[in-house]
Amino acid sequence: MAKVLRCADLVKGCSFEARGTEEEILKQAAPHAKQAHGLEPTPELVAAVRKAIRDGHENPNIPRTPERADG
């Protein structure tokens, strides 16, 4: 199943999205993080990105909260 990373889940106001497998998303996110946000792909950043990756079918208009089991 395709997955999605919405950068706005990590950096408020950023419209970047990456889709694909987890590894494909990480390959897309690394240059974006450096170019758009001046961030190097540290182990901590990679862990945060991995945690923010969701199934691609999720509705982006529904806020994610810790209480929700699906997001």
N, C-alpha and C. Protein backbone atom coordinates (compact mmCIF):
# COMPACT_ATOMS: atom_id res chain seq x y z
N MET A 1 0.84 -1.18 0.00
CA MET A 1 0.00 0.00 0.00
C MET A 1 0.89 1.24 0.00
N ALA A 2 0.50 2.22 -0.79
CA ALA A 2 1.24 3.47 -0.85
C ALA A 2 1.10 4.22 0.47
N LYS A 3 2.15 4.93 0.79
CA LYS A 3 2.17 5.72 2.02
C LYS A 3 2.37 7.18 1.64
N VAL A 4 2.16 8.07 2.60
CA VAL A 4 2.30 9.50 2.35
C VAL A 4 2.97 10.18 3.54
N LEU A 5 3.79 11.16 3.21
CA LEU A 5 4.36 12.05 4.22
C LEU A 5 3.90 13.45 3.86
N ARG A 6 3.28 14.11 4.80
CA ARG A 6 2.90 15.51 4.62
C ARG A 6 3.83 16.32 5.52
N CYS A 7 4.70 17.09 4.90
CA CYS A 7 5.69 17.84 5.66
C CYS A 7 5.03 18.75 6.70
N ALA A 8 3.83 19.22 6.40
CA ALA A 8 3.13 20.09 7.34
C ALA A 8 2.88 19.42 8.68
N ASP A 9 2.92 18.08 8.71
CA ASP A 9 2.79 17.38 9.99
C ASP A 9 4.03 17.59 10.86
N LEU A 10 5.12 18.01 10.22
CA LEU A 10 6.38 18.25 10.94
C LEU A 10 6.76 19.73 10.98
N VAL A 11 6.47 20.44 9.90
CA VAL A 11 6.81 21.86 9.77
C VAL A 11 5.55 22.61 9.35
N LYS A 12 5.01 23.35 10.28
CA LYS A 12 3.74 24.06 10.02
C LYS A 12 3.84 24.92 8.78
N GLY A 13 2.82 24.78 7.92
CA GLY A 13 2.72 25.61 6.73
C GLY A 13 3.42 25.08 5.50
N CYS A 14 4.16 24.01 5.60
CA CYS A 14 4.85 23.45 4.44
C CYS A 14 3.90 22.58 3.64
N SER A 15 3.83 22.78 2.34
CA SER A 15 2.89 22.04 1.50
C SER A 15 3.51 20.81 0.82
N PHE A 16 4.77 20.50 1.08
CA PHE A 16 5.43 19.36 0.45
C PHE A 16 4.77 18.05 0.89
N GLU A 17 4.57 17.17 -0.10
CA GLU A 17 4.09 15.81 0.17
C GLU A 17 4.95 14.84 -0.60
N ALA A 18 5.21 13.69 -0.02
CA ALA A 18 5.94 12.60 -0.68
C ALA A 18 5.07 11.36 -0.57
N ARG A 19 5.03 10.58 -1.65
CA ARG A 19 4.23 9.35 -1.68
C ARG A 19 5.08 8.20 -2.20
N GLY A 20 4.74 7.01 -1.74
CA GLY A 20 5.43 5.80 -2.18
C GLY A 20 5.64 4.87 -1.01
N THR A 21 6.67 4.04 -1.12
CA THR A 21 7.03 3.19 0.00
C THR A 21 7.76 4.05 1.03
N GLU A 22 7.99 3.51 2.20
CA GLU A 22 8.71 4.27 3.22
C GLU A 22 10.09 4.69 2.72
N GLU A 23 10.80 3.80 2.06
CA GLU A 23 12.14 4.12 1.56
C GLU A 23 12.08 5.18 0.46
N GLU A 24 11.08 5.10 -0.43
CA GLU A 24 10.92 6.12 -1.48
C GLU A 24 10.64 7.48 -0.86
N ILE A 25 9.81 7.49 0.16
CA ILE A 25 9.49 8.74 0.84
C ILE A 25 10.73 9.34 1.49
N LEU A 26 11.53 8.52 2.14
CA LEU A 26 12.75 9.02 2.76
C LEU A 26 13.70 9.60 1.73
N LYS A 27 13.78 8.98 0.55
CA LYS A 27 14.64 9.50 -0.52
C LYS A 27 14.14 10.85 -1.04
N GLN A 28 12.83 11.05 -1.04
CA GLN A 28 12.26 12.33 -1.48
C GLN A 28 12.38 13.39 -0.39
N ALA A 29 12.23 12.97 0.86
CA ALA A 29 12.19 13.91 1.97
C ALA A 29 13.57 14.49 2.30
N ALA A 30 14.62 13.73 2.12
CA ALA A 30 15.97 14.21 2.49
C ALA A 30 16.35 15.47 1.73
N PRO A 31 16.26 15.49 0.38
CA PRO A 31 16.63 16.74 -0.29
C PRO A 31 15.66 17.88 0.01
N HIS A 32 14.38 17.56 0.22
CA HIS A 32 13.42 18.60 0.58
C HIS A 32 13.79 19.23 1.92
N ALA A 33 14.11 18.41 2.90
CA ALA A 33 14.46 18.93 4.23
C ALA A 33 15.66 19.86 4.15
N LYS A 34 16.64 19.49 3.33
CA LYS A 34 17.83 20.32 3.21
C LYS A 34 17.54 21.61 2.45
N GLN A 35 16.88 21.50 1.30
CA GLN A 35 16.64 22.68 0.45
C GLN A 35 15.62 23.63 1.05
N ALA A 36 14.52 23.10 1.54
CA ALA A 36 13.43 23.96 2.01
C ALA A 36 13.59 24.41 3.46
N HIS A 37 14.22 23.56 4.28
CA HIS A 37 14.27 23.85 5.71
C HIS A 37 15.67 23.94 6.29
N GLY A 38 16.70 23.68 5.46
CA GLY A 38 18.08 23.76 5.94
C GLY A 38 18.44 22.67 6.93
N LEU A 39 17.74 21.53 6.86
CA LEU A 39 17.95 20.43 7.82
C LEU A 39 18.73 19.29 7.18
N GLU A 40 19.68 18.75 7.91
CA GLU A 40 20.41 17.55 7.50
C GLU A 40 19.64 16.33 7.99
N PRO A 41 19.72 15.21 7.26
CA PRO A 41 19.00 14.00 7.68
C PRO A 41 19.69 13.27 8.84
N THR A 42 19.58 13.84 10.02
CA THR A 42 20.15 13.21 11.22
C THR A 42 19.30 11.99 11.60
N PRO A 43 19.82 11.10 12.42
CA PRO A 43 18.99 9.96 12.87
C PRO A 43 17.71 10.41 13.54
N GLU A 44 17.75 11.51 14.28
CA GLU A 44 16.56 12.02 14.96
C GLU A 44 15.52 12.51 13.95
N LEU A 45 15.97 13.20 12.91
CA LEU A 45 15.06 13.68 11.88
C LEU A 45 14.45 12.52 11.11
N VAL A 46 15.27 11.55 10.76
CA VAL A 46 14.76 10.37 10.05
C VAL A 46 13.71 9.66 10.89
N ALA A 47 13.95 9.55 12.19
CA ALA A 47 12.97 8.90 13.08
C ALA A 47 11.66 9.70 13.11
N ALA A 48 11.75 11.01 13.15
CA ALA A 48 10.54 11.85 13.15
C ALA A 48 9.78 11.71 11.84
N VAL A 49 10.51 11.65 10.73
CA VAL A 49 9.87 11.49 9.43
C VAL A 49 9.19 10.13 9.36
N ARG A 50 9.88 9.08 9.78
CA ARG A 50 9.28 7.73 9.77
C ARG A 50 7.98 7.71 10.58
N LYS A 51 7.98 8.39 11.71
CA LYS A 51 6.80 8.43 12.57
C LYS A 51 5.65 9.19 11.91
N ALA A 52 5.97 10.17 11.05
CA ALA A 52 4.95 10.99 10.41
C ALA A 52 4.37 10.34 9.14
N ILE A 53 5.00 9.27 8.65
CA ILE A 53 4.50 8.61 7.44
C ILE A 53 3.21 7.87 7.78
N ARG A 54 2.22 8.06 6.92
CA ARG A 54 0.89 7.47 7.12
C ARG A 54 0.48 6.66 5.90
N ASP A 55 -0.54 5.84 6.06
CA ASP A 55 -1.13 5.17 4.91
C ASP A 55 -1.69 6.23 3.98
N GLY A 56 -1.55 6.02 2.69
CA GLY A 56 -1.95 7.02 1.70
C GLY A 56 -3.43 7.29 1.62
N HIS A 57 -4.25 6.42 2.16
CA HIS A 57 -5.70 6.61 2.07
C HIS A 57 -6.25 7.50 3.17
N GLU A 58 -5.44 7.91 4.12
CA GLU A 58 -5.94 8.74 5.22
C GLU A 58 -6.45 10.08 4.71
N ASN A 59 -7.48 10.59 5.32
CA ASN A 59 -8.05 11.88 4.99
C ASN A 59 -7.19 12.97 5.63
N PRO A 60 -6.55 13.83 4.82
CA PRO A 60 -5.69 14.87 5.39
C PRO A 60 -6.45 15.95 6.13
N ASN A 61 -7.77 15.99 5.97
CA ASN A 61 -8.57 17.02 6.64
C ASN A 61 -8.98 16.65 8.06
N ILE A 62 -8.69 15.41 8.46
CA ILE A 62 -9.00 14.98 9.82
C ILE A 62 -7.72 15.11 10.64
N PRO A 63 -7.72 15.94 11.66
CA PRO A 63 -6.50 16.12 12.47
C PRO A 63 -6.07 14.82 13.13
N ARG A 64 -4.77 14.62 13.19
CA ARG A 64 -4.24 13.44 13.89
C ARG A 64 -4.02 13.81 15.35
N THR A 65 -4.47 12.96 16.23
CA THR A 65 -4.26 13.19 17.65
C THR A 65 -3.72 11.91 18.26
N PRO A 66 -3.03 12.00 19.38
CA PRO A 66 -2.50 10.79 20.01
C PRO A 66 -3.57 9.79 20.38
N GLU A 67 -4.80 10.25 20.58
CA GLU A 67 -5.88 9.34 20.98
C GLU A 67 -6.36 8.47 19.83
N ARG A 68 -6.15 8.91 18.60
CA ARG A 68 -6.65 8.17 17.45
C ARG A 68 -5.73 7.00 17.16
N ALA A 69 -6.28 5.82 17.10
CA ALA A 69 -5.48 4.62 16.84
C ALA A 69 -5.01 4.56 15.40
N ASP A 70 -5.71 5.22 14.47
CA ASP A 70 -5.35 5.14 13.06
C ASP A 70 -4.47 6.27 12.60
N GLY A 71 -4.07 7.13 13.45
CA GLY A 71 -3.24 8.23 12.95
C GLY A 71 -2.61 8.98 14.02
